[in-house]
Every structure is written in C-alpha cells, then in structure tokens.
Protein backbone atom coordinates (compact mmCIF):
# COMPACT_ATOMS: atom_id res chain seq x y z
CA MET A 1 108.70 -16.51 117.04
CA PRO A 2 105.24 -17.70 115.89
CA GLY A 3 102.25 -15.55 116.75
CA VAL A 4 99.30 -17.19 118.55
CA ALA A 5 95.67 -16.11 118.43
CA CYS A 6 93.66 -17.30 121.44
CA ILE A 7 89.95 -17.05 120.69
CA GLY A 8 87.19 -17.05 123.28
CA GLU A 9 85.46 -15.24 126.09
CA CYS A 10 86.74 -13.55 129.21
CA MET A 11 84.33 -12.87 132.04
CA VAL A 12 84.31 -11.03 135.32
CA GLU A 13 85.32 -13.57 137.97
CA LEU A 14 83.88 -13.32 141.47
CA ARG A 15 85.52 -15.64 143.98
CA GLU A 16 84.00 -16.30 147.39
CA THR A 17 86.46 -15.74 150.22
CA ALA A 18 86.32 -16.05 154.01
CA GLY A 19 83.20 -14.59 155.58
CA GLY A 20 81.29 -14.63 152.31
CA LEU A 21 83.19 -11.70 150.83
CA LEU A 22 83.77 -11.64 147.08
CA SER A 23 87.06 -10.98 145.33
CA ARG A 24 86.86 -9.68 141.74
CA GLY A 25 89.12 -10.83 138.97
CA PHE A 26 88.88 -11.78 135.31
CA GLY A 27 89.00 -15.22 133.77
CA GLY A 28 88.12 -17.48 130.91
CA ASP A 29 89.80 -20.65 129.71
CA THR A 30 91.43 -19.30 126.55
CA LEU A 31 92.27 -15.97 128.22
CA ASN A 32 94.05 -17.84 131.01
CA THR A 33 96.05 -19.73 128.40
CA ALA A 34 96.87 -16.47 126.58
CA ILE A 35 98.25 -14.88 129.74
CA TYR A 36 100.40 -17.87 130.62
CA LEU A 37 101.66 -18.00 127.01
CA ALA A 38 102.62 -14.32 127.20
CA ARG A 39 104.40 -14.91 130.49
CA SER A 40 106.32 -17.70 128.76
CA GLY A 41 107.56 -15.27 126.15
CA ILE A 42 105.22 -16.28 123.32
CA PRO A 43 103.68 -13.46 121.21
CA VAL A 44 99.92 -13.85 121.62
CA ASP A 45 96.78 -11.88 120.82
CA TYR A 46 93.45 -12.38 122.53
CA VAL A 47 90.51 -12.39 120.13
CA THR A 48 87.14 -11.58 121.65
CA ALA A 49 84.38 -8.97 121.97
CA LEU A 50 83.66 -6.91 125.09
CA GLY A 51 81.10 -4.36 126.15
CA ALA A 52 81.63 -0.66 126.77
CA ASP A 53 81.43 -0.95 130.56
CA ARG A 54 84.18 -0.11 133.04
CA TRP A 55 84.92 -3.77 133.74
CA SER A 56 85.56 -4.31 130.03
CA ASP A 57 87.94 -1.32 130.10
CA ASP A 58 89.72 -2.86 133.07
CA MET A 59 90.06 -6.18 131.24
CA VAL A 60 91.79 -4.63 128.23
CA THR A 61 94.13 -2.68 130.51
CA ALA A 62 94.99 -5.81 132.49
CA TRP A 63 95.65 -7.90 129.35
CA ALA A 64 97.90 -5.25 127.86
CA ALA A 65 99.84 -5.12 131.13
CA GLU A 66 100.41 -8.88 130.74
CA LYS A 67 101.74 -8.26 127.21
CA VAL A 68 98.73 -9.96 125.63
CA GLY A 69 97.90 -8.27 122.33
CA VAL A 70 94.50 -6.55 122.26
CA ALA A 71 94.32 -5.37 118.63
CA GLU A 72 91.61 -7.96 117.89
CA VAL A 73 89.41 -7.09 120.88
CA ARG A 74 86.11 -5.69 119.58
CA ARG A 75 83.88 -3.40 121.68
CA ILE A 76 80.06 -3.51 121.45
CA PRO A 77 78.36 -0.50 123.12
CA ASP A 78 75.04 -2.18 123.99
CA ARG A 79 76.56 -5.37 125.37
CA GLU A 80 78.47 -6.22 128.53
CA SER A 81 80.89 -8.77 129.91
CA GLY A 82 79.76 -12.12 131.20
CA LEU A 83 80.15 -12.90 134.90
CA TYR A 84 80.77 -16.05 136.90
CA LEU A 85 81.02 -16.96 140.57
CA ILE A 86 83.50 -19.53 141.90
CA THR A 87 83.18 -21.41 145.15
CA THR A 88 85.69 -24.07 146.19
CA ASP A 89 85.46 -27.00 148.57
CA ALA A 90 88.08 -28.11 151.10
CA SER A 91 90.06 -30.00 148.43
CA GLY A 92 90.19 -27.02 146.07
CA GLU A 93 87.58 -28.34 143.63
CA ARG A 94 85.45 -25.65 142.06
CA LYS A 95 81.79 -24.98 141.45
CA PHE A 96 80.72 -22.29 138.98
CA ARG A 97 77.60 -20.22 138.44
CA TYR A 98 77.39 -18.18 135.25
CA TRP A 99 75.60 -15.04 134.06
CA ARG A 100 76.62 -14.73 130.40
CA ASP A 101 73.55 -14.70 128.12
CA ALA A 102 74.16 -11.05 127.14
CA SER A 103 77.93 -11.45 126.80
CA ALA A 104 79.45 -9.42 123.98
CA ALA A 105 81.80 -12.28 123.07
CA ARG A 106 78.90 -14.25 121.62
CA LEU A 107 78.63 -11.72 118.78
CA LEU A 108 82.31 -11.71 117.78
CA PHE A 109 81.76 -13.22 114.33
CA ASP A 110 78.41 -11.47 113.80
CA LEU A 111 79.94 -7.99 113.73
CA PRO A 112 80.26 -6.11 110.39
CA ASP A 113 83.90 -7.21 110.04
CA GLY A 114 83.18 -10.86 110.86
CA GLU A 115 84.32 -12.08 107.44
CA ALA A 116 87.43 -9.90 107.60
CA LEU A 117 88.19 -11.39 111.02
CA VAL A 118 88.22 -14.86 109.44
CA ASP A 119 90.77 -13.55 106.93
CA ARG A 120 92.96 -12.09 109.67
CA LEU A 121 92.82 -15.20 111.86
CA ALA A 122 94.09 -17.28 108.95
CA THR A 123 97.32 -15.26 108.98
CA TYR A 124 98.35 -16.27 112.50
CA ASP A 125 100.89 -19.04 112.91
CA VAL A 126 98.80 -20.75 115.59
CA LEU A 127 95.06 -20.62 116.33
CA TYR A 128 94.03 -21.79 119.79
CA PHE A 129 90.41 -22.30 120.86
CA SER A 130 88.40 -24.58 123.11
CA GLY A 131 85.12 -26.37 123.46
CA ILE A 132 83.93 -23.45 125.55
CA THR A 133 84.83 -21.09 122.69
CA LEU A 134 82.69 -23.16 120.34
CA SER A 135 79.79 -23.26 122.80
CA ILE A 136 79.30 -19.49 123.00
CA PHE A 137 78.65 -19.05 119.26
CA ALA A 138 75.54 -19.66 117.20
CA PRO A 139 76.02 -22.25 114.42
CA ALA A 140 76.78 -19.70 111.66
CA ALA A 141 79.41 -17.94 113.77
CA ARG A 142 80.87 -21.27 114.83
CA ALA A 143 81.22 -22.20 111.16
CA LYS A 144 83.28 -19.04 110.59
CA LEU A 145 85.69 -20.00 113.35
CA LEU A 146 86.07 -23.51 111.94
CA GLU A 147 86.60 -21.98 108.48
CA ALA A 148 89.43 -19.86 109.89
CA ALA A 149 90.93 -22.99 111.39
CA ALA A 150 90.69 -24.88 108.12
CA ARG A 151 92.34 -22.02 106.22
CA THR A 152 95.11 -21.80 108.80
CA ARG A 153 95.92 -25.49 108.38
CA ALA A 154 95.70 -25.25 104.60
CA ALA A 155 98.38 -22.56 104.76
CA GLY A 156 100.69 -24.92 106.68
CA ARG A 157 100.13 -23.30 110.07
CA ARG A 158 98.89 -24.88 113.30
CA VAL A 159 95.49 -25.25 114.91
CA VAL A 160 95.25 -26.21 118.59
CA PHE A 161 91.98 -27.36 120.16
CA ASP A 162 91.33 -27.95 123.87
CA THR A 163 88.15 -29.94 124.47
CA ASN A 164 87.06 -28.20 127.71
CA PHE A 165 83.53 -29.61 127.52
CA ARG A 166 80.90 -27.98 129.77
CA PRO A 167 77.50 -29.70 129.41
CA ARG A 168 75.44 -26.63 130.30
CA GLY A 169 76.89 -24.82 127.29
CA TRP A 170 75.47 -27.44 124.92
CA PRO A 171 71.71 -28.01 125.30
CA ASP A 172 71.89 -30.36 122.30
CA ARG A 173 74.40 -33.08 123.19
CA GLU A 174 74.36 -34.58 119.69
CA GLU A 175 75.33 -31.22 118.21
CA ALA A 176 78.21 -31.00 120.68
CA ARG A 177 79.42 -34.45 119.66
CA ARG A 178 79.41 -33.51 115.98
CA VAL A 179 81.14 -30.16 116.51
CA PHE A 180 83.82 -31.58 118.80
CA ARG A 181 84.58 -34.41 116.41
CA THR A 182 85.00 -31.91 113.56
CA ALA A 183 87.22 -29.67 115.68
CA MET A 184 89.42 -32.56 116.82
CA ALA A 185 89.76 -33.98 113.32
CA ASN A 186 90.85 -30.61 111.95
CA ALA A 187 93.39 -29.65 114.63
CA ASP A 188 97.12 -30.28 114.59
CA LEU A 189 97.24 -30.57 118.38
CA VAL A 190 94.38 -31.62 120.65
CA PHE A 191 94.28 -31.34 124.44
CA ALA A 192 91.60 -33.52 126.02
CA SER A 193 90.76 -35.11 129.34
CA THR A 194 89.21 -38.47 130.06
CA GLU A 195 86.55 -36.59 132.07
CA ASP A 196 85.51 -34.49 129.05
CA LEU A 197 85.47 -37.46 126.70
CA ASP A 198 83.49 -39.65 129.09
CA LEU A 199 80.89 -36.91 129.52
CA LEU A 200 80.62 -36.28 125.81
CA TYR A 201 81.15 -39.65 124.15
CA GLY A 202 81.10 -42.19 126.96
CA GLY A 203 84.69 -43.24 126.22
CA LEU A 204 87.82 -42.59 124.19
CA THR A 205 86.99 -44.21 120.85
CA VAL A 206 85.92 -41.05 119.01
CA PHE A 207 88.94 -39.14 120.32
CA ALA A 208 91.31 -41.88 119.16
CA GLU A 209 89.73 -41.98 115.69
CA ALA A 210 89.57 -38.19 115.26
CA THR A 211 93.16 -37.57 116.34
CA ALA A 212 94.82 -40.56 114.65
CA GLY A 213 98.18 -39.50 113.26
CA ARG A 214 98.04 -36.10 114.99
CA GLU A 215 99.65 -34.71 118.13
CA SER A 216 97.40 -35.15 121.14
CA VAL A 217 97.58 -34.98 124.91
CA LEU A 218 95.07 -36.91 127.00
CA LYS A 219 94.94 -35.81 130.64
CA ARG A 220 93.98 -38.50 133.15
CA PRO A 221 92.48 -38.40 136.66
CA ASP A 222 95.77 -39.43 138.32
CA LEU A 223 97.35 -36.16 137.05
CA SER A 224 99.35 -37.97 134.38
CA CYS A 225 98.81 -37.48 130.68
CA GLU A 226 99.18 -39.70 127.65
CA VAL A 227 101.11 -38.03 124.84
CA ALA A 228 100.58 -39.55 121.41
CA GLY A 229 103.70 -41.39 120.32
CA TYR A 230 105.46 -40.85 123.67
CA GLY A 231 103.35 -42.74 126.21
CA VAL A 232 102.38 -41.66 129.71
CA VAL A 233 104.06 -38.65 131.33
CA ALA A 234 103.62 -38.58 135.11
CA GLY A 235 102.13 -35.51 136.72
CA THR A 236 103.72 -33.17 139.23
CA PRO A 237 101.69 -33.44 142.45
CA SER A 238 101.22 -30.34 144.57
CA SER A 239 101.37 -30.57 148.35
CA ARG A 240 99.02 -27.59 148.78
CA VAL A 241 96.02 -27.57 146.46
CA VAL A 242 94.03 -24.39 147.07
CA ASP A 243 92.09 -23.91 143.83
CA THR A 244 92.16 -26.01 140.66
CA THR A 245 90.94 -23.13 138.47
CA ALA A 246 93.05 -22.83 135.29
CA ALA A 247 95.08 -25.98 135.96
CA GLY A 248 94.28 -27.28 132.48
CA ASP A 249 94.58 -23.86 130.85
CA SER A 250 98.05 -23.31 132.29
CA PHE A 251 99.12 -26.84 131.34
CA ALA A 252 98.13 -26.12 127.74
CA ALA A 253 100.02 -22.81 127.76
CA ALA A 254 103.25 -24.29 129.09
CA TYR A 255 103.00 -27.29 126.76
CA LEU A 256 102.40 -25.11 123.70
CA ALA A 257 105.13 -22.63 124.67
CA ALA A 258 107.61 -25.48 125.05
CA ARG A 259 106.66 -26.97 121.69
CA LEU A 260 106.98 -23.59 119.95
CA ASN A 261 110.44 -23.32 121.47
CA GLY A 262 111.47 -26.69 120.04
CA ALA A 263 110.82 -29.09 122.93
CA THR A 264 109.68 -32.64 122.28
CA PRO A 265 106.07 -33.47 123.24
CA ASP A 266 107.09 -35.42 126.35
CA ALA A 267 109.30 -32.57 127.55
CA ALA A 268 106.46 -30.15 126.81
CA ALA A 269 104.12 -32.27 128.93
CA ARG A 270 106.54 -32.06 131.84
CA ALA A 271 106.58 -28.28 131.46
CA GLY A 272 102.78 -28.29 131.48
CA HIS A 273 102.65 -30.38 134.64
CA ARG A 274 105.18 -28.11 136.32
CA LEU A 275 103.21 -24.92 135.73
CA ALA A 276 99.84 -26.48 136.59
CA SER A 277 101.21 -27.79 139.90
CA VAL A 278 102.06 -24.21 140.89
CA VAL A 279 98.81 -22.68 139.62
CA VAL A 280 96.66 -24.90 141.87
CA GLU A 281 98.49 -23.58 144.93
CA TYR A 282 96.92 -20.12 144.49
CA PRO A 283 93.31 -18.89 144.47
CA GLY A 284 91.84 -17.81 141.16
CA ALA A 285 92.90 -18.41 137.59
CA ILE A 286 96.02 -16.24 137.37
CA ILE A 287 98.84 -16.61 139.89
CA PRO A 288 101.20 -13.77 140.91
CA ILE A 289 103.86 -13.31 138.26
CA SER A 290 106.48 -13.76 140.97
CA ALA A 291 105.23 -17.35 141.45
CA MET A 292 105.81 -18.38 137.84
CA PRO A 293 108.25 -21.29 137.56
CA ALA A 294 111.27 -20.92 135.33
CA VAL A 295 110.58 -21.62 131.67
CA THR A 296 112.56 -24.77 130.97
CA SER A 297 112.02 -27.89 128.89
C-alpha cells in the first residue's frame, strides 16, 4: 500500500457551544485529511512542526491513536501551536478567527534538517499539501516544499494539491496566483472549488490551463463535482447539516483512499461525497470513529 505524507499545520481548535462555552479540539486542513486517510486504511504520516507545550504533546498522542504516523513531527522548544476559534451560523456555515503568527509549523523547512526533510519527502509514494500549507511558509521554505514535490513526480510518484485558498493568508494576491498556478501545474491530482478559483483568479481559466491532461476534481456550489474525463458527479445531500468544517478535507481523503485502492475517479468522487455528507452532520472537524461510513467504492 502506498505511503502518504500530508504536510501542513495543525492548530488548537476552540469551538463555541451553547451558552458561550468553548470546546477544545485539534484541526487543520491537511491533518483532517490525514486522519480520514488513516481511518480508511491508508498508511499516512503527518509532517509538521509543533511546540513543546502540553497541547502539542496532546496532539501527537491523539494522532498516534488515530494511526497517523508522527515520525516526521518536529518539536521546537521556543514555539507553540497555533489556535483558531470556530463559530457557526444556523445553517452550519463557519467563521474562523486565528492566532497563529508564532506557530511552530511555519519553521518546518527552516530547521537544521530542512534539506534532509526534502530528501525524505521525495521517498513517499504520495505527497499531499494544500494552499493553506503553502501560505504558512516564507518563500524560501515554500520553494523547498515545491522542490520535494517536483522530485517526487520525477521519481514516478504522485503529488496531490488541494487549493484551499484563504485570502488572509496571502497579503500579496499576485504572489498567491503565481504559487497556486505552479502548484497546480506540478501536481498529478488537483482538488479545487469554484469558490477558491473565483476568489483567486476570477474564474476557471487558469485552473483549466494548469491542470490540462491531469486528474482534477472541481467542487461546485450545488455539492456536485466535475471530475476530469468523467463529467459531473452529483453530491450526497445531508438532511442535518450541523457544521461544514472539514467537508472538503474529508472528501479529499475518501477520494484519494479510493483511488489508491484502485477505484475509478468517478467512483472515488462518490466515496468523497459519501464521507463529506456524514462529516457535516457533526460538530468540529473530526467525527466519532463510530460514525464513519463503510469504505466502499
């Protein structure tokens, strides 16, 4: 079974509940995908940097309990984990507030073994990262990640990129456009949404050009997605939307797990829709393991 490296940042998640109380959890787009991949039976490591605080300890313990590999988690004594607060409206849509400027994950490729990390990443069968991953790094560190991706592809392995564009993470919009185009053009599989592409490029033209001839999944506002070469795959509506956190992350995990297990892209999209429709019925990013749907194509 191929090994997947999910690269990014996990933060402390505070979710507002009834009466203004806060519930603590952990979340981050690529971490959410890593957990759902592990629950689908895919060997996966999470690649990040954490602080030396108790919450960082709790994160590593929780990931290991989910069977997510932690060998590539670096610890930085004078840094800490980022934090974000989620509030949701009556329809389950989220609003976020972040405190992450001192996050250890930002220094992942700046550590003494940063070059060695590039070497190790290039040995994985699949590299998975997102637009949020790219946004947390300074340009030199970002270049190292893209180098690892290029070396992975050159070795005949796979690179998967999920656009996940968040404007506040990119003060320079032109830089974001350049970086995203490079990432899309150098990935074997691209997950994108019309919302991300409209915010970033004002349309779909750049996405179509950058992903021509490659596997891509374009998620649309009506919950359907357009799978390159297979057309539109209808979504799986949920009758009880509580929180849309990690809907896209779980879709990507189920899709990728299905593809690694030999499913066709359209069947993989149906698996993605199926998991995402369950995830939105629960608060927070990670649903109870007992609620996971059966892994089928």
